[in-house]
Amino acid sequence: MSILEEAKESLERMQNFDCESLSRDKDLGQHFNFIDAVSPSKKLVRLYGQISSTVLEDFPDNITTQIKQQVDADYNRFQQILDFDPKQESATQTRDNIINQISTAYDTAFQKLYPYISYGVSKSVDFQRLETEARSTIQSINDHAKKLTEQLEENQTQADQVLTDIRKVAAEQGVSQQAIYFKEESEKHEEQADIWRVRTIWLSVGLGCFAFLSIFLHKAPWLKPEDAFQNFQLITSKILIFAVIAYMLFLSAKNFLSHKHNSIINKHRQNALMTYSALADAASSEESKDIVLNHAASCIFSPQETGYIKNESAGSNKSIVELLPKTTMKLSE
């Protein structure tokens, strides 16, 4: 075996040594254990750990031999602890000497090994490689930062688009929220119309029954008139009762028609508001949107014909021709 291989073997044996095994507190007890040698031995092993076995290939044989001798000398002190027999003569003195030798071994080994440790460190540190890696890392960071910047710009564009869509939806929702008031009014009037429809039907049935029964009222023994005065009273009472019932029927039918009319009007206004956004978005210019807005306002706020009430005043039916001067004026500007 060559001196290089022997030096590597000795160095690796020292580097892999378990310093905790030197205490031997279980088999030697409190008086002869080597717990005090554990800490300096770890320090010594760390010193040898800074020498790479591959660096030994660069040293001449005489230096390699010196390193091997130093490693073996220090390892021999560890071996003395492992082979220590408390029954030998002057065991206490021998134990103390070994501990003192290990405690001072670090200084001696450091004086001999630090030039070789420095050489090994300088060789292991490839400054050119570090510079290349640093430049590569910086370039990678710059590329990553560029990608993040582009992604942030793209996300900003998407966020602006989403914000625009949200505002658009919020505007449409605002229009729809206003339409709910007309919807509620339409439902209220529809409920009242149903109530008055039932009342009108019952009053019609009551009036018909009274008209039919009034034909036979004069034949009833207790209502049969005996003279002209009683006959006049019977006719007058029948007319008054018929008039009252007929008037109540008239009011009931009028209320039914009014509520039905208001229900349809509010439903029409609701539909006008609900479809305004779609019509406004379809307009190609601001002037077209003004026309749509004018007609939508006319549908919402102007009276409309429903067929339930006669003589209804028609709404503002401005034609597109009436709106053209405003548009033409804006275009000419």
C-alpha atoms as a PDB file:
ATOM      1  CA  MET A   1       0.000   0.000   0.000  1.00  0.00           C
ATOM      2  CA  SER A   2       1.360   3.451  -0.948  1.00  0.00           C
ATOM      3  CA  ILE A   3       1.984   6.224   1.540  1.00  0.00           C
ATOM      4  CA  LEU A   4      -0.900   8.216   0.008  1.00  0.00           C
ATOM      5  CA  GLU A   5      -3.398   5.418   0.577  1.00  0.00           C
ATOM      6  CA  GLU A   6      -2.158   4.883   4.120  1.00  0.00           C
ATOM      7  CA  ALA A   7      -2.482   8.617   4.856  1.00  0.00           C
ATOM      8  CA  LYS A   8      -6.029   8.662   3.473  1.00  0.00           C
ATOM      9  CA  GLU A   9      -6.996   5.671   5.574  1.00  0.00           C
ATOM     10  CA  SER A  10      -5.557   7.205   8.742  1.00  0.00           C
ATOM     11  CA  LEU A  11      -7.228  10.577   8.074  1.00  0.00           C
ATOM     12  CA  GLU A  12     -10.648   9.048   7.367  1.00  0.00           C
ATOM     13  CA  ARG A  13     -10.342   6.893  10.493  1.00  0.00           C
ATOM     14  CA  MET A  14      -9.765  10.029  12.587  1.00  0.00           C
ATOM     15  CA  GLN A  15     -12.562  11.983  10.870  1.00  0.00           C
ATOM     16  CA  ASN A  16     -15.098   9.195  11.475  1.00  0.00           C
ATOM     17  CA  PHE A  17     -14.134   8.568  15.081  1.00  0.00           C
ATOM     18  CA  ASP A  18     -16.952   8.670  17.678  1.00  0.00           C
ATOM     19  CA  CYS A  19     -15.656  10.866  20.497  1.00  0.00           C
ATOM     20  CA  GLU A  20     -18.513   9.921  22.820  1.00  0.00           C
ATOM     21  CA  SER A  21     -17.019   6.441  23.105  1.00  0.00           C
ATOM     22  CA  LEU A  22     -14.024   7.904  24.974  1.00  0.00           C
ATOM     23  CA  SER A  23     -15.995   8.696  28.122  1.00  0.00           C
ATOM     24  CA  ARG A  24     -16.284   5.046  29.252  1.00  0.00           C
ATOM     25  CA  ASP A  25     -18.303   6.195  32.253  1.00  0.00           C
ATOM     26  CA  LYS A  26     -20.283   2.959  32.451  1.00  0.00           C
ATOM     27  CA  ASP A  27     -17.343   0.546  32.726  1.00  0.00           C
ATOM     28  CA  LEU A  28     -14.829   2.846  34.490  1.00  0.00           C
ATOM     29  CA  GLY A  29     -17.149   4.615  36.936  1.00  0.00           C
ATOM     30  CA  GLN A  30     -16.843   8.140  38.255  1.00  0.00           C
ATOM     31  CA  HIS A  31     -13.196   7.957  39.332  1.00  0.00           C
ATOM     32  CA  PHE A  32     -11.572   6.618  36.166  1.00  0.00           C
ATOM     33  CA  ASN A  33     -13.857   7.750  33.334  1.00  0.00           C
ATOM     34  CA  PHE A  34     -12.581  10.026  30.551  1.00  0.00           C
ATOM     35  CA  ILE A  35     -15.522  12.421  30.261  1.00  0.00           C
ATOM     36  CA  ASP A  36     -13.090  15.349  30.447  1.00  0.00           C
ATOM     37  CA  ALA A  37     -11.395  14.111  27.275  1.00  0.00           C
ATOM     38  CA  VAL A  38     -14.554  14.105  25.140  1.00  0.00           C
ATOM     39  CA  SER A  39     -14.739  17.848  24.492  1.00  0.00           C
ATOM     40  CA  PRO A  40     -11.065  18.375  23.470  1.00  0.00           C
ATOM     41  CA  SER A  41     -11.193  15.210  21.365  1.00  0.00           C
ATOM     42  CA  LYS A  42     -14.195  16.577  19.421  1.00  0.00           C
ATOM     43  CA  LYS A  43     -12.281  19.790  18.823  1.00  0.00           C
ATOM     44  CA  LEU A  44      -9.330  17.791  17.537  1.00  0.00           C
ATOM     45  CA  VAL A  45     -11.520  15.678  15.232  1.00  0.00           C
ATOM     46  CA  ARG A  46     -13.099  18.846  13.816  1.00  0.00           C
ATOM     47  CA  LEU A  47      -9.615  20.131  12.998  1.00  0.00           C
ATOM     48  CA  TYR A  48      -8.814  16.999  11.000  1.00  0.00           C
ATOM     49  CA  GLY A  49     -12.222  17.211   9.389  1.00  0.00           C
ATOM     50  CA  GLN A  50     -11.102  20.400   7.584  1.00  0.00           C
ATOM     51  CA  ILE A  51      -8.533  18.402   5.592  1.00  0.00           C
ATOM     52  CA  SER A  52     -10.007  16.710   2.536  1.00  0.00           C
ATOM     53  CA  SER A  53      -8.565  13.331   1.650  1.00  0.00           C
ATOM     54  CA  THR A  54      -8.445  14.401  -2.004  1.00  0.00           C
ATOM     55  CA  VAL A  55      -6.032  17.235  -1.125  1.00  0.00           C
ATOM     56  CA  LEU A  56      -3.453  14.707   0.000  1.00  0.00           C
ATOM     57  CA  GLU A  57      -2.899  13.824  -3.668  1.00  0.00           C
ATOM     58  CA  ASP A  58      -1.333  17.266  -4.251  1.00  0.00           C
ATOM     59  CA  PHE A  59       1.200  16.998  -1.432  1.00  0.00           C
ATOM     60  CA  PRO A  60       4.672  15.504  -1.774  1.00  0.00           C
ATOM     61  CA  ASP A  61       5.348  12.224  -0.021  1.00  0.00           C
ATOM     62  CA  ASN A  62       7.274  13.796   2.833  1.00  0.00           C
ATOM     63  CA  ILE A  63       4.381  16.136   3.702  1.00  0.00           C
ATOM     64  CA  THR A  64       1.898  13.287   3.327  1.00  0.00           C
ATOM     65  CA  THR A  65       4.055  11.257   5.689  1.00  0.00           C
ATOM     66  CA  GLN A  66       4.106  14.108   8.238  1.00  0.00           C
ATOM     67  CA  ILE A  67       0.331  14.402   8.141  1.00  0.00           C
ATOM     68  CA  LYS A  68      -0.051  10.632   8.544  1.00  0.00           C
ATOM     69  CA  GLN A  69       2.315  10.574  11.514  1.00  0.00           C
ATOM     70  CA  GLN A  70       0.482  13.389  13.215  1.00  0.00           C
ATOM     71  CA  VAL A  71      -2.901  11.724  12.640  1.00  0.00           C
ATOM     72  CA  ASP A  72      -1.648   8.390  13.944  1.00  0.00           C
ATOM     73  CA  ALA A  73      -0.081  10.023  17.008  1.00  0.00           C
ATOM     74  CA  ASP A  74      -3.338  11.724  17.972  1.00  0.00           C
ATOM     75  CA  TYR A  75      -5.393   8.633  17.212  1.00  0.00           C
ATOM     76  CA  ASN A  76      -3.034   6.618  19.431  1.00  0.00           C
ATOM     77  CA  ARG A  77      -4.096   8.800  22.362  1.00  0.00           C
ATOM     78  CA  PHE A  78      -7.701   7.848  21.670  1.00  0.00           C
ATOM     79  CA  GLN A  79      -6.684   4.230  21.525  1.00  0.00           C
ATOM     80  CA  GLN A  80      -4.952   4.538  24.913  1.00  0.00           C
ATOM     81  CA  ILE A  81      -8.273   5.619  26.416  1.00  0.00           C
ATOM     82  CA  LEU A  82     -10.105   2.740  24.798  1.00  0.00           C
ATOM     83  CA  ASP A  83      -7.445   0.267  26.101  1.00  0.00           C
ATOM     84  CA  PHE A  84      -7.102   1.843  29.543  1.00  0.00           C
ATOM     85  CA  ASP A  85      -7.184  -0.644  32.433  1.00  0.00           C
ATOM     86  CA  PRO A  86      -8.026   0.829  35.856  1.00  0.00           C
ATOM     87  CA  LYS A  87      -6.265  -2.074  37.525  1.00  0.00           C
ATOM     88  CA  GLN A  88      -2.835  -1.174  36.202  1.00  0.00           C
ATOM     89  CA  GLU A  89      -0.227   0.475  38.356  1.00  0.00           C
ATOM     90  CA  SER A  90      -0.565   4.255  38.761  1.00  0.00           C
ATOM     91  CA  ALA A  91      -3.900   4.132  36.969  1.00  0.00           C
ATOM     92  CA  THR A  92      -4.966   7.552  38.194  1.00  0.00           C
ATOM     93  CA  GLN A  93      -1.748   9.221  37.113  1.00  0.00           C
ATOM     94  CA  THR A  94      -1.863   7.492  33.737  1.00  0.00           C
ATOM     95  CA  ARG A  95      -5.484   8.593  33.220  1.00  0.00           C
ATOM     96  CA  ASP A  96      -4.632  12.223  34.038  1.00  0.00           C
ATOM     97  CA  ASN A  97      -1.647  12.185  31.679  1.00  0.00           C
ATOM     98  CA  ILE A  98      -3.733  10.903  28.798  1.00  0.00           C
ATOM     99  CA  ILE A  99      -6.377  13.586  29.354  1.00  0.00           C
ATOM    100  CA  ASN A 100      -3.684  16.297  29.499  1.00  0.00           C
ATOM    101  CA  GLN A 101      -2.097  15.000  26.280  1.00  0.00           C
ATOM    102  CA  ILE A 102      -5.445  15.116  24.451  1.00  0.00           C
ATOM    103  CA  SER A 103      -6.156  18.607  25.811  1.00  0.00           C
ATOM    104  CA  THR A 104      -2.839  19.922  24.463  1.00  0.00           C
ATOM    105  CA  ALA A 105      -2.877  17.898  21.256  1.00  0.00           C
ATOM    106  CA  TYR A 106      -5.014  20.444  19.431  1.00  0.00           C
ATOM    107  CA  ASP A 107      -2.412  23.218  19.687  1.00  0.00           C
ATOM    108  CA  THR A 108       0.357  20.994  18.423  1.00  0.00           C
ATOM    109  CA  ALA A 109      -1.723  19.602  15.562  1.00  0.00           C
ATOM    110  CA  PHE A 110      -2.936  23.053  14.549  1.00  0.00           C
ATOM    111  CA  GLN A 111       0.646  24.398  14.295  1.00  0.00           C
ATOM    112  CA  LYS A 112       1.583  21.569  11.938  1.00  0.00           C
ATOM    113  CA  LEU A 113      -1.611  21.311   9.898  1.00  0.00           C
ATOM    114  CA  TYR A 114      -2.923  24.843   9.362  1.00  0.00           C
ATOM    115  CA  PRO A 115      -0.778  25.482   6.203  1.00  0.00           C
ATOM    116  CA  TYR A 116      -2.206  22.326   4.630  1.00  0.00           C
ATOM    117  CA  ILE A 117      -5.721  23.206   5.770  1.00  0.00           C
ATOM    118  CA  SER A 118      -5.381  26.656   4.165  1.00  0.00           C
ATOM    119  CA  TYR A 119      -4.219  25.074   0.925  1.00  0.00           C
ATOM    120  CA  GLY A 120      -7.138  22.658   0.951  1.00  0.00           C
ATOM    121  CA  VAL A 121      -9.635  25.458   1.554  1.00  0.00           C
ATOM    122  CA  SER A 122      -8.197  27.591  -1.250  1.00  0.00           C
ATOM    123  CA  LYS A 123      -8.340  24.648  -3.604  1.00  0.00           C
ATOM    124  CA  SER A 124     -11.878  23.691  -2.675  1.00  0.00           C
ATOM    125  CA  VAL A 125     -13.077  27.259  -3.277  1.00  0.00           C
ATOM    126  CA  ASP A 126     -13.260  27.745  -7.020  1.00  0.00           C
ATOM    127  CA  PHE A 127     -13.573  31.505  -7.348  1.00  0.00           C
ATOM    128  CA  GLN A 128     -14.162  31.358 -11.073  1.00  0.00           C
ATOM    129  CA  ARG A 129     -16.959  28.884 -10.521  1.00  0.00           C
ATOM    130  CA  LEU A 130     -18.422  31.056  -7.776  1.00  0.00           C
ATOM    131  CA  GLU A 131     -18.377  34.089 -10.069  1.00  0.00           C
ATOM    132  CA  THR A 132     -20.061  32.107 -12.823  1.00  0.00           C
ATOM    133  CA  GLU A 133     -22.702  30.808 -10.431  1.00  0.00           C
ATOM    134  CA  ALA A 134     -23.253  34.307  -9.057  1.00  0.00           C
ATOM    135  CA  ARG A 135     -23.721  35.739 -12.548  1.00  0.00           C
ATOM    136  CA  SER A 136     -26.068  32.882 -13.395  1.00  0.00           C
ATOM    137  CA  THR A 137     -28.055  33.486 -10.231  1.00  0.00           C
ATOM    138  CA  ILE A 138     -28.320  37.218 -10.930  1.00  0.00           C
ATOM    139  CA  GLN A 139     -29.450  36.557 -14.496  1.00  0.00           C
ATOM    140  CA  SER A 140     -32.004  34.025 -13.246  1.00  0.00           C
ATOM    141  CA  ILE A 141     -33.298  36.584 -10.750  1.00  0.00           C
ATOM    142  CA  ASN A 142     -33.561  39.218 -13.492  1.00  0.00           C
ATOM    143  CA  ASP A 143     -35.421  36.811 -15.789  1.00  0.00           C
ATOM    144  CA  HIS A 144     -37.746  35.812 -12.997  1.00  0.00           C
ATOM    145  CA  ALA A 145     -38.347  39.453 -12.101  1.00  0.00           C
ATOM    146  CA  LYS A 146     -39.115  40.224 -15.755  1.00  0.00           C
ATOM    147  CA  LYS A 147     -41.605  37.368 -15.913  1.00  0.00           C
ATOM    148  CA  LEU A 148     -43.217  38.552 -12.680  1.00  0.00           C
ATOM    149  CA  THR A 149     -43.445  42.092 -14.054  1.00  0.00           C
ATOM    150  CA  GLU A 150     -45.098  40.859 -17.248  1.00  0.00           C
ATOM    151  CA  GLN A 151     -47.452  38.681 -15.242  1.00  0.00           C
ATOM    152  CA  LEU A 152     -48.336  41.611 -12.977  1.00  0.00           C
ATOM    153  CA  GLU A 153     -49.022  43.793 -16.007  1.00  0.00           C
ATOM    154  CA  GLU A 154     -51.217  41.065 -17.481  1.00  0.00           C
ATOM    155  CA  ASN A 155     -53.021  40.649 -14.169  1.00  0.00           C
ATOM    156  CA  GLN A 156     -53.471  44.423 -13.985  1.00  0.00           C
ATOM    157  CA  THR A 157     -55.078  44.392 -17.436  1.00  0.00           C
ATOM    158  CA  GLN A 158     -57.350  41.541 -16.411  1.00  0.00           C
ATOM    159  CA  ALA A 159     -58.169  43.317 -13.140  1.00  0.00           C
ATOM    160  CA  ASP A 160     -59.107  46.489 -15.043  1.00  0.00           C
ATOM    161  CA  GLN A 161     -61.345  44.442 -17.335  1.00  0.00           C
ATOM    162  CA  VAL A 162     -62.957  42.712 -14.372  1.00  0.00           C
ATOM    163  CA  LEU A 163     -63.457  46.085 -12.675  1.00  0.00           C
ATOM    164  CA  THR A 164     -65.099  47.430 -15.829  1.00  0.00           C
ATOM    165  CA  ASP A 165     -67.378  44.390 -15.992  1.00  0.00           C
ATOM    166  CA  ILE A 166     -68.232  44.769 -12.309  1.00  0.00           C
ATOM    167  CA  ARG A 167     -69.123  48.413 -12.790  1.00  0.00           C
ATOM    168  CA  LYS A 168     -71.229  47.507 -15.805  1.00  0.00           C
ATOM    169  CA  VAL A 169     -73.017  44.774 -13.883  1.00  0.00           C
ATOM    170  CA  ALA A 170     -73.461  47.139 -10.940  1.00  0.00           C
ATOM    171  CA  ALA A 171     -75.026  49.726 -13.251  1.00  0.00           C
ATOM    172  CA  GLU A 172     -77.357  47.124 -14.731  1.00  0.00           C
ATOM    173  CA  GLN A 173     -78.166  45.897 -11.265  1.00  0.00           C
ATOM    174  CA  GLY A 174     -78.949  49.464 -10.268  1.00  0.00           C
ATOM    175  CA  VAL A 175     -81.425  49.763 -13.121  1.00  0.00           C
ATOM    176  CA  SER A 176     -82.928  46.394 -12.219  1.00  0.00           C
ATOM    177  CA  GLN A 177     -83.146  47.457  -8.583  1.00  0.00           C
ATOM    178  CA  GLN A 178     -85.246  50.452  -9.619  1.00  0.00           C
ATOM    179  CA  ALA A 179     -87.506  48.162 -11.648  1.00  0.00           C
ATOM    180  CA  ILE A 180     -88.388  46.200  -8.509  1.00  0.00           C
ATOM    181  CA  TYR A 181     -90.462  49.119  -7.237  1.00  0.00           C
ATOM    182  CA  PHE A 182     -92.708  48.942 -10.288  1.00  0.00           C
ATOM    183  CA  LYS A 183     -92.868  45.156  -9.903  1.00  0.00           C
ATOM    184  CA  GLU A 184     -94.042  45.471  -6.298  1.00  0.00           C
ATOM    185  CA  GLU A 185     -96.668  48.039  -7.247  1.00  0.00           C
ATOM    186  CA  SER A 186     -97.871  45.862 -10.112  1.00  0.00           C
ATOM    187  CA  GLU A 187     -98.287  42.894  -7.777  1.00  0.00           C
ATOM    188  CA  LYS A 188    -100.170  44.984  -5.195  1.00  0.00           C
ATOM    189  CA  HIS A 189    -102.590  46.311  -7.793  1.00  0.00           C
ATOM    190  CA  GLU A 190    -103.027  42.796  -9.217  1.00  0.00           C
ATOM    191  CA  GLU A 191    -103.989  41.501  -5.779  1.00  0.00           C
ATOM    192  CA  GLN A 192    -106.487  44.324  -5.308  1.00  0.00           C
ATOM    193  CA  ALA A 193    -107.881  43.738  -8.793  1.00  0.00           C
ATOM    194  CA  ASP A 194    -108.524  40.088  -7.924  1.00  0.00           C
ATOM    195  CA  ILE A 195    -110.355  41.143  -4.747  1.00  0.00           C
ATOM    196  CA  TRP A 196    -112.554  43.629  -6.594  1.00  0.00           C
ATOM    197  CA  ARG A 197    -113.194  41.137  -9.389  1.00  0.00           C
ATOM    198  CA  VAL A 198    -114.705  38.723  -6.848  1.00  0.00           C
ATOM    199  CA  ARG A 199    -116.768  41.520  -5.291  1.00  0.00           C
ATOM    200  CA  THR A 200    -118.003  42.617  -8.693  1.00  0.00           C
ATOM    201  CA  ILE A 201    -119.093  39.079  -9.540  1.00  0.00           C
ATOM    202  CA  TRP A 202    -120.972  38.678  -6.259  1.00  0.00           C
ATOM    203  CA  LEU A 203    -122.644  42.060  -6.597  1.00  0.00           C
ATOM    204  CA  SER A 204    -123.681  41.152 -10.159  1.00  0.00           C
ATOM    205  CA  VAL A 205    -125.172  37.909  -8.916  1.00  0.00           C
ATOM    206  CA  GLY A 206    -126.921  39.735  -6.052  1.00  0.00           C
ATOM    207  CA  LEU A 207    -128.342  42.367  -8.386  1.00  0.00           C
ATOM    208  CA  GLY A 208    -129.651  39.708 -10.763  1.00  0.00           C
ATOM    209  CA  CYS A 209    -131.229  37.745  -7.935  1.00  0.00           C
ATOM    210  CA  PHE A 210    -132.883  40.870  -6.541  1.00  0.00           C
ATOM    211  CA  ALA A 211    -134.195  41.806  -9.996  1.00  0.00           C
ATOM    212  CA  PHE A 212    -135.624  38.324 -10.394  1.00  0.00           C
ATOM    213  CA  LEU A 213    -137.179  38.240  -6.910  1.00  0.00           C
ATOM    214  CA  SER A 214    -138.626  41.726  -7.237  1.00  0.00           C
ATOM    215  CA  ILE A 215    -140.972  40.403  -9.910  1.00  0.00           C
ATOM    216  CA  PHE A 216    -142.728  38.265  -7.304  1.00  0.00           C
ATOM    217  CA  LEU A 217    -142.452  40.560  -4.259  1.00  0.00           C
ATOM    218  CA  HIS A 218    -145.963  42.019  -4.733  1.00  0.00           C
ATOM    219  CA  LYS A 219    -147.468  38.520  -4.547  1.00  0.00           C
ATOM    220  CA  ALA A 220    -146.117  37.907  -1.049  1.00  0.00           C
ATOM    221  CA  PRO A 221    -149.059  38.143   1.432  1.00  0.00           C
ATOM    222  CA  TRP A 222    -147.167  40.421   3.848  1.00  0.00           C
ATOM    223  CA  LEU A 223    -145.887  42.660   1.006  1.00  0.00           C
ATOM    224  CA  LYS A 224    -148.968  42.693  -1.197  1.00  0.00           C
ATOM    225  CA  PRO A 225    -150.143  46.353  -1.564  1.00  0.00           C
ATOM    226  CA  GLU A 226    -153.745  47.045  -0.700  1.00  0.00           C
ATOM    227  CA  ASP A 227    -154.034  50.521  -2.127  1.00  0.00           C
ATOM    228  CA  ALA A 228    -152.242  52.949  -4.426  1.00  0.00           C
ATOM    229  CA  PHE A 229    -150.085  54.410  -1.648  1.00  0.00           C
ATOM    230  CA  GLN A 230    -148.663  51.027  -0.627  1.00  0.00           C
ATOM    231  CA  ASN A 231    -148.118  50.213  -4.275  1.00  0.00           C
ATOM    232  CA  PHE A 232    -146.119  53.438  -4.641  1.00  0.00           C
ATOM    233  CA  GLN A 233    -144.045  52.603  -1.549  1.00  0.00           C
ATOM    234  CA  LEU A 234    -143.256  49.103  -2.871  1.00  0.00           C
ATOM    235  CA  ILE A 235    -142.177  50.440  -6.238  1.00  0.00           C
ATOM    236  CA  THR A 236    -140.057  53.173  -4.641  1.00  0.00           C
ATOM    237  CA  SER A 237    -138.276  50.779  -2.266  1.00  0.00           C
ATOM    238  CA  LYS A 238    -137.534  48.355  -5.094  1.00  0.00           C
ATOM    239  CA  ILE A 239    -136.071  51.170  -7.163  1.00  0.00           C
ATOM    240  CA  LEU A 240    -133.937  52.460  -4.264  1.00  0.00           C
ATOM    241  CA  ILE A 241    -132.595  49.002  -3.407  1.00  0.00           C
ATOM    242  CA  PHE A 242    -131.888  48.286  -7.079  1.00  0.00           C
ATOM    243  CA  ALA A 243    -130.122  51.647  -7.451  1.00  0.00           C
ATOM    244  CA  VAL A 244    -127.954  51.099  -4.376  1.00  0.00           C
ATOM    245  CA  ILE A 245    -126.896  47.623  -5.479  1.00  0.00           C
ATOM    246  CA  ALA A 246    -126.300  48.852  -9.018  1.00  0.00           C
ATOM    247  CA  TYR A 247    -124.197  51.764  -7.739  1.00  0.00           C
ATOM    248  CA  MET A 248    -122.124  49.434  -5.554  1.00  0.00           C
ATOM    249  CA  LEU A 249    -121.667  47.163  -8.569  1.00  0.00           C
ATOM    250  CA  PHE A 250    -120.550  50.173 -10.604  1.00  0.00           C
ATOM    251  CA  LEU A 251    -117.987  51.227  -7.958  1.00  0.00           C
ATOM    252  CA  SER A 252    -116.732  47.684  -7.574  1.00  0.00           C
ATOM    253  CA  ALA A 253    -116.284  47.276 -11.324  1.00  0.00           C
ATOM    254  CA  LYS A 254    -114.563  50.678 -11.511  1.00  0.00           C
ATOM    255  CA  ASN A 255    -112.133  49.750  -8.734  1.00  0.00           C
ATOM    256  CA  PHE A 256    -111.425  46.450 -10.481  1.00  0.00           C
ATOM    257  CA  LEU A 257    -110.692  48.224 -13.769  1.00  0.00           C
ATOM    258  CA  SER A 258    -108.525  50.873 -12.044  1.00  0.00           C
ATOM    259  CA  HIS A 259    -106.374  48.329 -10.191  1.00  0.00           C
ATOM    260  CA  LYS A 260    -106.056  46.216 -13.310  1.00  0.00           C
ATOM    261  CA  HIS A 261    -105.058  49.283 -15.282  1.00  0.00           C
ATOM    262  CA  ASN A 262    -102.402  50.292 -12.682  1.00  0.00           C
ATOM    263  CA  SER A 263    -101.080  46.732 -12.540  1.00  0.00           C
ATOM    264  CA  ILE A 264    -100.514  46.646 -16.295  1.00  0.00           C
ATOM    265  CA  ILE A 265     -98.973  50.139 -16.316  1.00  0.00           C
ATOM    266  CA  ASN A 266     -96.443  49.259 -13.594  1.00  0.00           C
ATOM    267  CA  LYS A 267     -95.657  45.950 -15.297  1.00  0.00           C
ATOM    268  CA  HIS A 268     -95.019  47.842 -18.504  1.00  0.00           C
ATOM    269  CA  ARG A 269     -92.680  50.262 -16.684  1.00  0.00           C
ATOM    270  CA  GLN A 270     -90.834  47.358 -15.105  1.00  0.00           C
ATOM    271  CA  ASN A 271     -90.247  45.766 -18.508  1.00  0.00           C
ATOM    272  CA  ALA A 272     -89.085  49.103 -19.919  1.00  0.00           C
ATOM    273  CA  LEU A 273     -86.439  49.452 -17.198  1.00  0.00           C
ATOM    274  CA  MET A 274     -85.337  45.825 -17.453  1.00  0.00           C
ATOM    275  CA  THR A 275     -84.731  46.087 -21.210  1.00  0.00           C
ATOM    276  CA  TYR A 276     -83.228  49.590 -21.200  1.00  0.00           C
ATOM    277  CA  SER A 277     -79.635  48.408 -20.564  1.00  0.00           C
ATOM    278  CA  ALA A 278     -79.734  45.944 -23.463  1.00  0.00           C
ATOM    279  CA  LEU A 279     -81.097  48.577 -25.826  1.00  0.00           C
ATOM    280  CA  ALA A 280     -78.586  51.205 -24.636  1.00  0.00           C
ATOM    281  CA  ASP A 281     -75.661  48.809 -25.102  1.00  0.00           C
ATOM    282  CA  ALA A 282     -76.857  48.019 -28.622  1.00  0.00           C
ATOM    283  CA  ALA A 283     -76.787  51.719 -29.543  1.00  0.00           C
ATOM    284  CA  SER A 284     -73.739  52.658 -31.587  1.00  0.00           C
ATOM    285  CA  SER A 285     -73.400  56.283 -30.432  1.00  0.00           C
ATOM    286  CA  GLU A 286     -74.295  58.621 -27.604  1.00  0.00           C
ATOM    287  CA  GLU A 287     -76.987  60.229 -29.761  1.00  0.00           C
ATOM    288  CA  SER A 288     -78.604  56.833 -30.279  1.00  0.00           C
ATOM    289  CA  LYS A 289     -78.498  56.221 -26.553  1.00  0.00           C
ATOM    290  CA  ASP A 290     -80.255  59.561 -26.004  1.00  0.00           C
ATOM    291  CA  ILE A 291     -83.032  58.435 -28.335  1.00  0.00           C
ATOM    292  CA  VAL A 292     -83.351  55.124 -26.484  1.00  0.00           C
ATOM    293  CA  LEU A 293     -83.383  56.976 -23.142  1.00  0.00           C
ATOM    294  CA  ASN A 294     -86.088  59.359 -24.355  1.00  0.00           C
ATOM    295  CA  HIS A 295     -88.356  56.537 -25.496  1.00  0.00           C
ATOM    296  CA  ALA A 296     -87.681  54.539 -22.321  1.00  0.00           C
ATOM    297  CA  ALA A 297     -88.606  57.551 -20.178  1.00  0.00           C
ATOM    298  CA  SER A 298     -91.717  58.044 -22.297  1.00  0.00           C
ATOM    299  CA  CYS A 299     -92.761  54.419 -21.731  1.00  0.00           C
ATOM    300  CA  ILE A 300     -92.114  54.664 -17.993  1.00  0.00           C
ATOM    301  CA  PHE A 301     -93.571  58.014 -17.035  1.00  0.00           C
ATOM    302  CA  SER A 302     -96.224  58.687 -19.671  1.00  0.00           C
ATOM    303  CA  PRO A 303     -99.806  57.313 -19.383  1.00  0.00           C
ATOM    304  CA  GLN A 304    -100.367  54.201 -21.447  1.00  0.00           C
ATOM    305  CA  GLU A 305    -103.470  52.616 -22.915  1.00  0.00           C
ATOM    306  CA  THR A 306    -104.436  49.340 -21.303  1.00  0.00           C
ATOM    307  CA  GLY A 307    -108.020  48.801 -22.477  1.00  0.00           C
ATOM    308  CA  TYR A 308    -109.406  48.760 -18.936  1.00  0.00           C
ATOM    309  CA  ILE A 309    -110.092  52.484 -18.663  1.00  0.00           C
ATOM    310  CA  LYS A 310    -111.694  54.549 -21.452  1.00  0.00           C
ATOM    311  CA  ASN A 311    -110.588  58.000 -22.550  1.00  0.00           C
ATOM    312  CA  GLU A 312    -106.987  57.381 -21.466  1.00  0.00           C
ATOM    313  CA  SER A 313    -104.610  60.116 -22.486  1.00  0.00           C
ATOM    314  CA  ALA A 314    -102.006  58.708 -24.780  1.00  0.00           C
ATOM    315  CA  GLY A 315     -98.376  58.958 -23.819  1.00  0.00           C
ATOM    316  CA  SER A 316     -95.741  61.146 -25.370  1.00  0.00           C
ATOM    317  CA  ASN A 317     -95.258  59.524 -28.717  1.00  0.00           C
ATOM    318  CA  LYS A 318     -92.326  61.500 -30.011  1.00  0.00           C
ATOM    319  CA  SER A 319     -91.157  60.061 -33.265  1.00  0.00           C
ATOM    320  CA  ILE A 320     -87.562  59.634 -34.226  1.00  0.00           C
ATOM    321  CA  VAL A 321     -87.942  62.509 -36.659  1.00  0.00           C
ATOM    322  CA  GLU A 322     -88.590  64.863 -33.696  1.00  0.00           C
ATOM    323  CA  LEU A 323     -85.313  63.755 -32.146  1.00  0.00           C
ATOM    324  CA  LEU A 324     -83.247  64.163 -35.309  1.00  0.00           C
ATOM    325  CA  PRO A 325     -82.602  67.919 -34.912  1.00  0.00           C
ATOM    326  CA  LYS A 326     -80.763  67.298 -31.634  1.00  0.00           C
ATOM    327  CA  THR A 327     -78.695  64.558 -33.205  1.00  0.00           C
ATOM    328  CA  THR A 328     -78.020  66.575 -36.331  1.00  0.00           C
ATOM    329  CA  MET A 329     -76.909  69.543 -34.256  1.00  0.00           C
ATOM    330  CA  LYS A 330     -74.411  67.425 -32.289  1.00  0.00           C
ATOM    331  CA  LEU A 331     -73.050  65.876 -35.476  1.00  0.00           C
ATOM    332  CA  SER A 332     -72.582  69.279 -37.089  1.00  0.00           C
ATOM    333  CA  GLU A 333     -70.537  70.441 -34.097  1.00  0.00           C
END
